[in-house]
Amino acid sequence: MTLWMEGLSKEADAGNVTIFVSGVPHYPESVEVEKGQTNVRLRPLICPGSHPVTAVHRGATSNPVMVEVVGPPPLIKGLESLAPV
């Protein structure tokens, strides 16, 4: 998932920005402050449907934005045999 955000500090990076999708924390793969772009790989816990997304950086939390997730979540490595057929 790619997010474009305003208000990130110059020090914002993948180590100090957290994205919450339906309350589940996600840690960005990359944060490009100049563009305001943050790239996040959704965790397998996130199923298709509407989800509130918030960003947390330096103690500040963004307003929630609803996103629509489509497609099946990725399999959890090592648990492929438990996938429904």
PDB file of N, CA and C in Angstrom:
ATOM      1  N   MET A   1       0.856  -1.148   0.000  1.00  0.00           N
ATOM      2  CA  MET A   1       0.000   0.000   0.000  1.00  0.00           C
ATOM      3  C   MET A   1       0.908   1.219   0.000  1.00  0.00           C
ATOM      4  N   THR A   2       0.559   2.200  -0.777  1.00  0.00           N
ATOM      5  CA  THR A   2       1.311   3.445  -0.810  1.00  0.00           C
ATOM      6  C   THR A   2       0.447   4.554  -0.248  1.00  0.00           C
ATOM      7  N   LEU A   3       1.000   5.312   0.682  1.00  0.00           N
ATOM      8  CA  LEU A   3       0.311   6.433   1.302  1.00  0.00           C
ATOM      9  C   LEU A   3       1.070   7.706   0.995  1.00  0.00           C
ATOM     10  N   TRP A   4       0.333   8.787   0.784  1.00  0.00           N
ATOM     11  CA  TRP A   4       0.955  10.103   0.648  1.00  0.00           C
ATOM     12  C   TRP A   4       0.490  10.932   1.823  1.00  0.00           C
ATOM     13  N   MET A   5       1.467  11.449   2.595  1.00  0.00           N
ATOM     14  CA  MET A   5       1.146  12.163   3.820  1.00  0.00           C
ATOM     15  C   MET A   5       1.832  13.517   3.861  1.00  0.00           C
ATOM     16  N   GLU A   6       1.166  14.441   4.532  1.00  0.00           N
ATOM     17  CA  GLU A   6       1.742  15.758   4.784  1.00  0.00           C
ATOM     18  C   GLU A   6       2.129  15.832   6.255  1.00  0.00           C
ATOM     19  N   GLY A   7       3.120  16.647   6.568  1.00  0.00           N
ATOM     20  CA  GLY A   7       3.462  16.913   7.947  1.00  0.00           C
ATOM     21  C   GLY A   7       4.528  16.021   8.555  1.00  0.00           C
ATOM     22  N   LEU A   8       5.137  15.145   7.757  1.00  0.00           N
ATOM     23  CA  LEU A   8       6.231  14.333   8.296  1.00  0.00           C
ATOM     24  C   LEU A   8       7.446  15.215   8.541  1.00  0.00           C
ATOM     25  N   SER A   9       8.182  14.935   9.609  1.00  0.00           N
ATOM     26  CA  SER A   9       9.403  15.692   9.870  1.00  0.00           C
ATOM     27  C   SER A   9      10.488  15.257   8.891  1.00  0.00           C
ATOM     28  N   LYS A  10      11.543  16.042   8.810  1.00  0.00           N
ATOM     29  CA  LYS A  10      12.665  15.692   7.937  1.00  0.00           C
ATOM     30  C   LYS A  10      13.333  14.392   8.371  1.00  0.00           C
ATOM     31  N   GLU A  11      13.172  14.041   9.650  1.00  0.00           N
ATOM     32  CA  GLU A  11      13.783  12.829  10.190  1.00  0.00           C
ATOM     33  C   GLU A  11      12.923  11.592   9.994  1.00  0.00           C
ATOM     34  N   ALA A  12      11.751  11.733   9.404  1.00  0.00           N
ATOM     35  CA  ALA A  12      10.849  10.579   9.232  1.00  0.00           C
ATOM     36  C   ALA A  12      11.523   9.509   8.392  1.00  0.00           C
ATOM     37  N   ASP A  13      11.435   8.257   8.876  1.00  0.00           N
ATOM     38  CA  ASP A  13      11.962   7.125   8.128  1.00  0.00           C
ATOM     39  C   ASP A  13      11.207   5.877   8.553  1.00  0.00           C
ATOM     40  N   ALA A  14      11.595   4.741   7.997  1.00  0.00           N
ATOM     41  CA  ALA A  14      10.889   3.493   8.276  1.00  0.00           C
ATOM     42  C   ALA A  14      11.001   3.088   9.749  1.00  0.00           C
ATOM     43  N   GLY A  15      11.928   3.651  10.473  1.00  0.00           N
ATOM     44  CA  GLY A  15      12.110   3.302  11.873  1.00  0.00           C
ATOM     45  C   GLY A  15      11.276   4.107  12.845  1.00  0.00           C
ATOM     46  N   ASN A  16      10.703   5.232  12.398  1.00  0.00           N
ATOM     47  CA  ASN A  16       9.937   6.047  13.339  1.00  0.00           C
ATOM     48  C   ASN A  16       8.558   6.456  12.831  1.00  0.00           C
ATOM     49  N   VAL A  17       8.063   5.758  11.833  1.00  0.00           N
ATOM     50  CA  VAL A  17       6.693   5.947  11.347  1.00  0.00           C
ATOM     51  C   VAL A  17       6.001   4.593  11.461  1.00  0.00           C
ATOM     52  N   THR A  18       4.807   4.599  12.031  1.00  0.00           N
ATOM     53  CA  THR A  18       4.024   3.368  12.119  1.00  0.00           C
ATOM     54  C   THR A  18       2.669   3.631  11.472  1.00  0.00           C
ATOM     55  N   ILE A  19       2.226   2.700  10.660  1.00  0.00           N
ATOM     56  CA  ILE A  19       0.925   2.780  10.009  1.00  0.00           C
ATOM     57  C   ILE A  19       0.025   1.732  10.654  1.00  0.00           C
ATOM     58  N   PHE A  20      -1.156   2.139  11.077  1.00  0.00           N
ATOM     59  CA  PHE A  20      -2.117   1.216  11.661  1.00  0.00           C
ATOM     60  C   PHE A  20      -3.245   0.981  10.670  1.00  0.00           C
ATOM     61  N   VAL A  21      -3.495  -0.270  10.340  1.00  0.00           N
ATOM     62  CA  VAL A  21      -4.590  -0.667   9.453  1.00  0.00           C
ATOM     63  C   VAL A  21      -5.545  -1.489  10.310  1.00  0.00           C
ATOM     64  N   SER A  22      -6.724  -0.945  10.558  1.00  0.00           N
ATOM     65  CA  SER A  22      -7.688  -1.584  11.476  1.00  0.00           C
ATOM     66  C   SER A  22      -7.039  -1.921  12.819  1.00  0.00           C
ATOM     67  N   GLY A  23      -6.175  -1.029  13.293  1.00  0.00           N
ATOM     68  CA  GLY A  23      -5.532  -1.214  14.584  1.00  0.00           C
ATOM     69  C   GLY A  23      -4.314  -2.111  14.575  1.00  0.00           C
ATOM     70  N   VAL A  24      -4.007  -2.733  13.434  1.00  0.00           N
ATOM     71  CA  VAL A  24      -2.852  -3.625  13.328  1.00  0.00           C
ATOM     72  C   VAL A  24      -1.632  -2.795  12.893  1.00  0.00           C
ATOM     73  N   PRO A  25      -0.559  -2.779  13.697  1.00  0.00           N
ATOM     74  CA  PRO A  25       0.605  -1.986  13.319  1.00  0.00           C
ATOM     75  C   PRO A  25       1.339  -2.558  12.111  1.00  0.00           C
ATOM     76  N   HIS A  26       1.750  -1.650  11.225  1.00  0.00           N
ATOM     77  CA  HIS A  26       2.543  -2.002  10.051  1.00  0.00           C
ATOM     78  C   HIS A  26       3.752  -1.070  10.037  1.00  0.00           C
ATOM     79  N   TYR A  27       4.890  -1.615   9.685  1.00  0.00           N
ATOM     80  CA  TYR A  27       6.114  -0.831   9.659  1.00  0.00           C
ATOM     81  C   TYR A  27       6.525  -0.634   8.208  1.00  0.00           C
ATOM     82  N   PRO A  28       6.686   0.620   7.774  1.00  0.00           N
ATOM     83  CA  PRO A  28       6.956   0.909   6.368  1.00  0.00           C
ATOM     84  C   PRO A  28       8.217   0.249   5.836  1.00  0.00           C
ATOM     85  N   GLU A  29       8.156  -0.085   4.551  1.00  0.00           N
ATOM     86  CA  GLU A  29       9.355  -0.543   3.859  1.00  0.00           C
ATOM     87  C   GLU A  29      10.211   0.656   3.487  1.00  0.00           C
ATOM     88  N   SER A  30       9.546   1.781   3.205  1.00  0.00           N
ATOM     89  CA  SER A  30      10.282   3.003   2.878  1.00  0.00           C
ATOM     90  C   SER A  30       9.417   4.222   3.167  1.00  0.00           C
ATOM     91  N   VAL A  31      10.113   5.329   3.487  1.00  0.00           N
ATOM     92  CA  VAL A  31       9.463   6.622   3.700  1.00  0.00           C
ATOM     93  C   VAL A  31      10.272   7.643   2.912  1.00  0.00           C
ATOM     94  N   GLU A  32       9.621   8.325   1.990  1.00  0.00           N
ATOM     95  CA  GLU A  32      10.281   9.362   1.195  1.00  0.00           C
ATOM     96  C   GLU A  32       9.685  10.701   1.590  1.00  0.00           C
ATOM     97  N   VAL A  33      10.344  11.384   2.532  1.00  0.00           N
ATOM     98  CA  VAL A  33       9.820  12.620   3.109  1.00  0.00           C
ATOM     99  C   VAL A  33       9.578  13.679   2.047  1.00  0.00           C
ATOM    100  N   GLU A  34      10.502  13.807   1.092  1.00  0.00           N
ATOM    101  CA  GLU A  34      10.378  14.854   0.074  1.00  0.00           C
ATOM    102  C   GLU A  34       9.066  14.721  -0.711  1.00  0.00           C
ATOM    103  N   LYS A  35       8.657  13.489  -0.971  1.00  0.00           N
ATOM    104  CA  LYS A  35       7.420  13.226  -1.719  1.00  0.00           C
ATOM    105  C   LYS A  35       6.228  13.051  -0.786  1.00  0.00           C
ATOM    106  N   GLY A  36       6.490  12.831   0.503  1.00  0.00           N
ATOM    107  CA  GLY A  36       5.424  12.514   1.441  1.00  0.00           C
ATOM    108  C   GLY A  36       4.904  11.099   1.243  1.00  0.00           C
ATOM    109  N   GLN A  37       5.715  10.253   0.614  1.00  0.00           N
ATOM    110  CA  GLN A  37       5.295   8.898   0.246  1.00  0.00           C
ATOM    111  C   GLN A  37       5.804   7.872   1.240  1.00  0.00           C
ATOM    112  N   THR A  38       4.898   6.982   1.656  1.00  0.00           N
ATOM    113  CA  THR A  38       5.237   5.881   2.549  1.00  0.00           C
ATOM    114  C   THR A  38       4.732   4.590   1.929  1.00  0.00           C
ATOM    115  N   ASN A  39       5.587   3.589   1.823  1.00  0.00           N
ATOM    116  CA  ASN A  39       5.219   2.292   1.248  1.00  0.00           C
ATOM    117  C   ASN A  39       5.162   1.250   2.350  1.00  0.00           C
ATOM    118  N   VAL A  40       4.043   0.523   2.403  1.00  0.00           N
ATOM    119  CA  VAL A  40       3.799  -0.464   3.450  1.00  0.00           C
ATOM    120  C   VAL A  40       3.317  -1.756   2.806  1.00  0.00           C
ATOM    121  N   ARG A  41       3.895  -2.870   3.218  1.00  0.00           N
ATOM    122  CA  ARG A  41       3.405  -4.185   2.792  1.00  0.00           C
ATOM    123  C   ARG A  41       2.377  -4.628   3.827  1.00  0.00           C
ATOM    124  N   LEU A  42       1.148  -4.875   3.367  1.00  0.00           N
ATOM    125  CA  LEU A  42       0.096  -5.282   4.286  1.00  0.00           C
ATOM    126  C   LEU A  42       0.382  -6.645   4.892  1.00  0.00           C
ATOM    127  N   ARG A  43       0.108  -6.775   6.159  1.00  0.00           N
ATOM    128  CA  ARG A  43       0.323  -8.034   6.863  1.00  0.00           C
ATOM    129  C   ARG A  43      -0.805  -9.010   6.515  1.00  0.00           C
ATOM    130  N   PRO A  44      -0.543 -10.312   6.604  1.00  0.00           N
ATOM    131  CA  PRO A  44      -1.547 -11.317   6.250  1.00  0.00           C
ATOM    132  C   PRO A  44      -2.821 -11.245   7.093  1.00  0.00           C
ATOM    133  N   LEU A  45      -2.792 -10.522   8.183  1.00  0.00           N
ATOM    134  CA  LEU A  45      -3.976 -10.373   9.031  1.00  0.00           C
ATOM    135  C   LEU A  45      -5.051  -9.505   8.389  1.00  0.00           C
ATOM    136  N   ILE A  46      -4.676  -8.735   7.376  1.00  0.00           N
ATOM    137  CA  ILE A  46      -5.607  -7.789   6.761  1.00  0.00           C
ATOM    138  C   ILE A  46      -6.336  -8.480   5.612  1.00  0.00           C
ATOM    139  N   CYS A  47      -7.633  -8.666   5.786  1.00  0.00           N
ATOM    140  CA  CYS A  47      -8.472  -9.326   4.781  1.00  0.00           C
ATOM    141  C   CYS A  47      -9.143  -8.273   3.906  1.00  0.00           C
ATOM    142  N   PRO A  48      -9.688  -8.683   2.757  1.00  0.00           N
ATOM    143  CA  PRO A  48     -10.387  -7.734   1.897  1.00  0.00           C
ATOM    144  C   PRO A  48     -11.517  -7.035   2.660  1.00  0.00           C
ATOM    145  N   GLY A  49     -11.746  -5.786   2.304  1.00  0.00           N
ATOM    146  CA  GLY A  49     -12.812  -5.007   2.930  1.00  0.00           C
ATOM    147  C   GLY A  49     -12.340  -3.609   3.261  1.00  0.00           C
ATOM    148  N   SER A  50     -13.178  -2.849   3.946  1.00  0.00           N
ATOM    149  CA  SER A  50     -12.862  -1.472   4.346  1.00  0.00           C
ATOM    150  C   SER A  50     -12.099  -1.474   5.662  1.00  0.00           C
ATOM    151  N   HIS A  51     -11.052  -0.657   5.711  1.00  0.00           N
ATOM    152  CA  HIS A  51     -10.212  -0.589   6.905  1.00  0.00           C
ATOM    153  C   HIS A  51      -9.842   0.864   7.190  1.00  0.00           C
ATOM    154  N   PRO A  52      -9.918   1.288   8.479  1.00  0.00           N
ATOM    155  CA  PRO A  52      -9.399   2.610   8.822  1.00  0.00           C
ATOM    156  C   PRO A  52      -7.870   2.552   8.885  1.00  0.00           C
ATOM    157  N   VAL A  53      -7.236   3.578   8.344  1.00  0.00           N
ATOM    158  CA  VAL A  53      -5.769   3.660   8.322  1.00  0.00           C
ATOM    159  C   VAL A  53      -5.356   4.955   9.008  1.00  0.00           C
ATOM    160  N   THR A  54      -4.419   4.845   9.960  1.00  0.00           N
ATOM    161  CA  THR A  54      -3.840   6.023  10.603  1.00  0.00           C
ATOM    162  C   THR A  54      -2.324   5.903  10.581  1.00  0.00           C
ATOM    163  N   ALA A  55      -1.663   7.037  10.647  1.00  0.00           N
ATOM    164  CA  ALA A  55      -0.200   7.079  10.700  1.00  0.00           C
ATOM    165  C   ALA A  55       0.208   7.712  12.028  1.00  0.00           C
ATOM    166  N   VAL A  56       1.276   7.183  12.622  1.00  0.00           N
ATOM    167  CA  VAL A  56       1.814   7.741  13.860  1.00  0.00           C
ATOM    168  C   VAL A  56       3.277   8.094  13.616  1.00  0.00           C
ATOM    169  N   HIS A  57       3.626   9.343  13.962  1.00  0.00           N
ATOM    170  CA  HIS A  57       5.012   9.804  13.802  1.00  0.00           C
ATOM    171  C   HIS A  57       5.276  10.853  14.869  1.00  0.00           C
ATOM    172  N   ARG A  58       6.328  10.643  15.646  1.00  0.00           N
ATOM    173  CA  ARG A  58       6.752  11.580  16.691  1.00  0.00           C
ATOM    174  C   ARG A  58       5.621  11.893  17.666  1.00  0.00           C
ATOM    175  N   GLY A  59       4.836  10.882  18.017  1.00  0.00           N
ATOM    176  CA  GLY A  59       3.778  11.059  18.999  1.00  0.00           C
ATOM    177  C   GLY A  59       2.482  11.629  18.454  1.00  0.00           C
ATOM    178  N   ALA A  60       2.460  12.014  17.190  1.00  0.00           N
ATOM    179  CA  ALA A  60       1.246  12.555  16.573  1.00  0.00           C
ATOM    180  C   ALA A  60       0.568  11.464  15.747  1.00  0.00           C
ATOM    181  N   THR A  61      -0.750  11.401  15.845  1.00  0.00           N
ATOM    182  CA  THR A  61      -1.528  10.417  15.092  1.00  0.00           C
ATOM    183  C   THR A  61      -2.406  11.148  14.084  1.00  0.00           C
ATOM    184  N   SER A  62      -2.402  10.669  12.851  1.00  0.00           N
ATOM    185  CA  SER A  62      -3.222  11.288  11.801  1.00  0.00           C
ATOM    186  C   SER A  62      -4.692  10.962  12.013  1.00  0.00           C
ATOM    187  N   ASN A  63      -5.541  11.697  11.334  1.00  0.00           N
ATOM    188  CA  ASN A  63      -6.956  11.344  11.294  1.00  0.00           C
ATOM    189  C   ASN A  63      -7.089  10.054  10.510  1.00  0.00           C
ATOM    190  N   PRO A  64      -8.054   9.212  10.866  1.00  0.00           N
ATOM    191  CA  PRO A  64      -8.230   7.971  10.107  1.00  0.00           C
ATOM    192  C   PRO A  64      -8.781   8.223   8.708  1.00  0.00           C
ATOM    193  N   VAL A  65      -8.323   7.416   7.773  1.00  0.00           N
ATOM    194  CA  VAL A  65      -8.817   7.439   6.397  1.00  0.00           C
ATOM    195  C   VAL A  65      -9.249   6.022   6.071  1.00  0.00           C
ATOM    196  N   MET A  66     -10.414   5.867   5.470  1.00  0.00           N
ATOM    197  CA  MET A  66     -10.889   4.530   5.118  1.00  0.00           C
ATOM    198  C   MET A  66     -10.291   4.116   3.777  1.00  0.00           C
ATOM    199  N   VAL A  67      -9.787   2.894   3.716  1.00  0.00           N
ATOM    200  CA  VAL A  67      -9.266   2.337   2.465  1.00  0.00           C
ATOM    201  C   VAL A  67      -9.979   1.014   2.199  1.00  0.00           C
ATOM    202  N   GLU A  68     -10.084   0.670   0.941  1.00  0.00           N
ATOM    203  CA  GLU A  68     -10.706  -0.583   0.529  1.00  0.00           C
ATOM    204  C   GLU A  68      -9.600  -1.524   0.083  1.00  0.00           C
ATOM    205  N   VAL A  69      -9.460  -2.639   0.773  1.00  0.00           N
ATOM    206  CA  VAL A  69      -8.458  -3.650   0.428  1.00  0.00           C
ATOM    207  C   VAL A  69      -9.145  -4.705  -0.437  1.00  0.00           C
ATOM    208  N   VAL A  70      -8.522  -5.031  -1.560  1.00  0.00           N
ATOM    209  CA  VAL A  70      -9.074  -6.052  -2.456  1.00  0.00           C
ATOM    210  C   VAL A  70      -8.051  -7.171  -2.637  1.00  0.00           C
ATOM    211  N   GLY A  71      -8.540  -8.325  -2.997  1.00  0.00           N
ATOM    212  CA  GLY A  71      -7.654  -9.467  -3.226  1.00  0.00           C
ATOM    213  C   GLY A  71      -7.388 -10.205  -1.932  1.00  0.00           C
ATOM    214  N   PRO A  72      -7.001 -11.461  -2.052  1.00  0.00           N
ATOM    215  CA  PRO A  72      -6.751 -12.268  -0.856  1.00  0.00           C
ATOM    216  C   PRO A  72      -5.449 -11.850  -0.175  1.00  0.00           C
ATOM    217  N   PRO A  73      -5.393 -12.007   1.153  1.00  0.00           N
ATOM    218  CA  PRO A  73      -4.140 -11.701   1.841  1.00  0.00           C
ATOM    219  C   PRO A  73      -3.097 -12.756   1.487  1.00  0.00           C
ATOM    220  N   PRO A  74      -1.816 -12.414   1.593  1.00  0.00           N
ATOM    221  CA  PRO A  74      -0.780 -13.412   1.308  1.00  0.00           C
ATOM    222  C   PRO A  74      -0.810 -14.516   2.357  1.00  0.00           C
ATOM    223  N   LEU A  75      -0.343 -15.684   1.972  1.00  0.00           N
ATOM    224  CA  LEU A  75      -0.251 -16.786   2.922  1.00  0.00           C
ATOM    225  C   LEU A  75       0.832 -16.484   3.944  1.00  0.00           C
ATOM    226  N   ILE A  76       0.664 -17.010   5.133  1.00  0.00           N
ATOM    227  CA  ILE A  76       1.679 -16.858   6.172  1.00  0.00           C
ATOM    228  C   ILE A  76       2.733 -17.932   5.935  1.00  0.00           C
ATOM    229  N   LYS A  77       3.972 -17.513   5.782  1.00  0.00           N
ATOM    230  CA  LYS A  77       5.054 -18.445   5.464  1.00  0.00           C
ATOM    231  C   LYS A  77       5.112 -19.565   6.492  1.00  0.00           C
ATOM    232  N   GLY A  78       5.126 -20.785   6.019  1.00  0.00           N
ATOM    233  CA  GLY A  78       5.170 -21.946   6.880  1.00  0.00           C
ATOM    234  C   GLY A  78       3.804 -22.519   7.182  1.00  0.00           C
ATOM    235  N   LEU A  79       2.748 -21.762   6.865  1.00  0.00           N
ATOM    236  CA  LEU A  79       1.390 -22.247   7.137  1.00  0.00           C
ATOM    237  C   LEU A  79       0.599 -22.444   5.853  1.00  0.00           C
ATOM    238  N   GLU A  80       1.316 -22.596   4.723  1.00  0.00           N
ATOM    239  CA  GLU A  80       0.669 -22.741   3.421  1.00  0.00           C
ATOM    240  C   GLU A  80      -0.312 -23.921   3.404  1.00  0.00           C
ATOM    241  N   SER A  81      -0.012 -24.978   4.109  1.00  0.00           N
ATOM    242  CA  SER A  81      -0.865 -26.173   4.075  1.00  0.00           C
ATOM    243  C   SER A  81      -2.208 -25.922   4.766  1.00  0.00           C
ATOM    244  N   LEU A  82      -2.329 -24.853   5.530  1.00  0.00           N
ATOM    245  CA  LEU A  82      -3.587 -24.545   6.207  1.00  0.00           C
ATOM    246  C   LEU A  82      -4.499 -23.659   5.364  1.00  0.00           C
ATOM    247  N   ALA A  83      -4.043 -23.253   4.189  1.00  0.00           N
ATOM    248  CA  ALA A  83      -4.835 -22.361   3.332  1.00  0.00           C
ATOM    249  C   ALA A  83      -6.084 -23.098   2.865  1.00  0.00           C
ATOM    250  N   PRO A  84      -7.223 -22.385   2.824  1.00  0.00           N
ATOM    251  CA  PRO A  84      -8.442 -23.019   2.331  1.00  0.00           C
ATOM    252  C   PRO A  84      -8.307 -23.368   0.853  1.00  0.00           C
ATOM    253  N   VAL A  85      -8.937 -24.439   0.442  1.00  0.00           N
ATOM    254  CA  VAL A  85      -8.844 -24.891  -0.943  1.00  0.00           C
ATOM    255  C   VAL A  85     -10.076 -24.492  -1.710  1.00  0.00           C
TER     256      VAL A  85
END
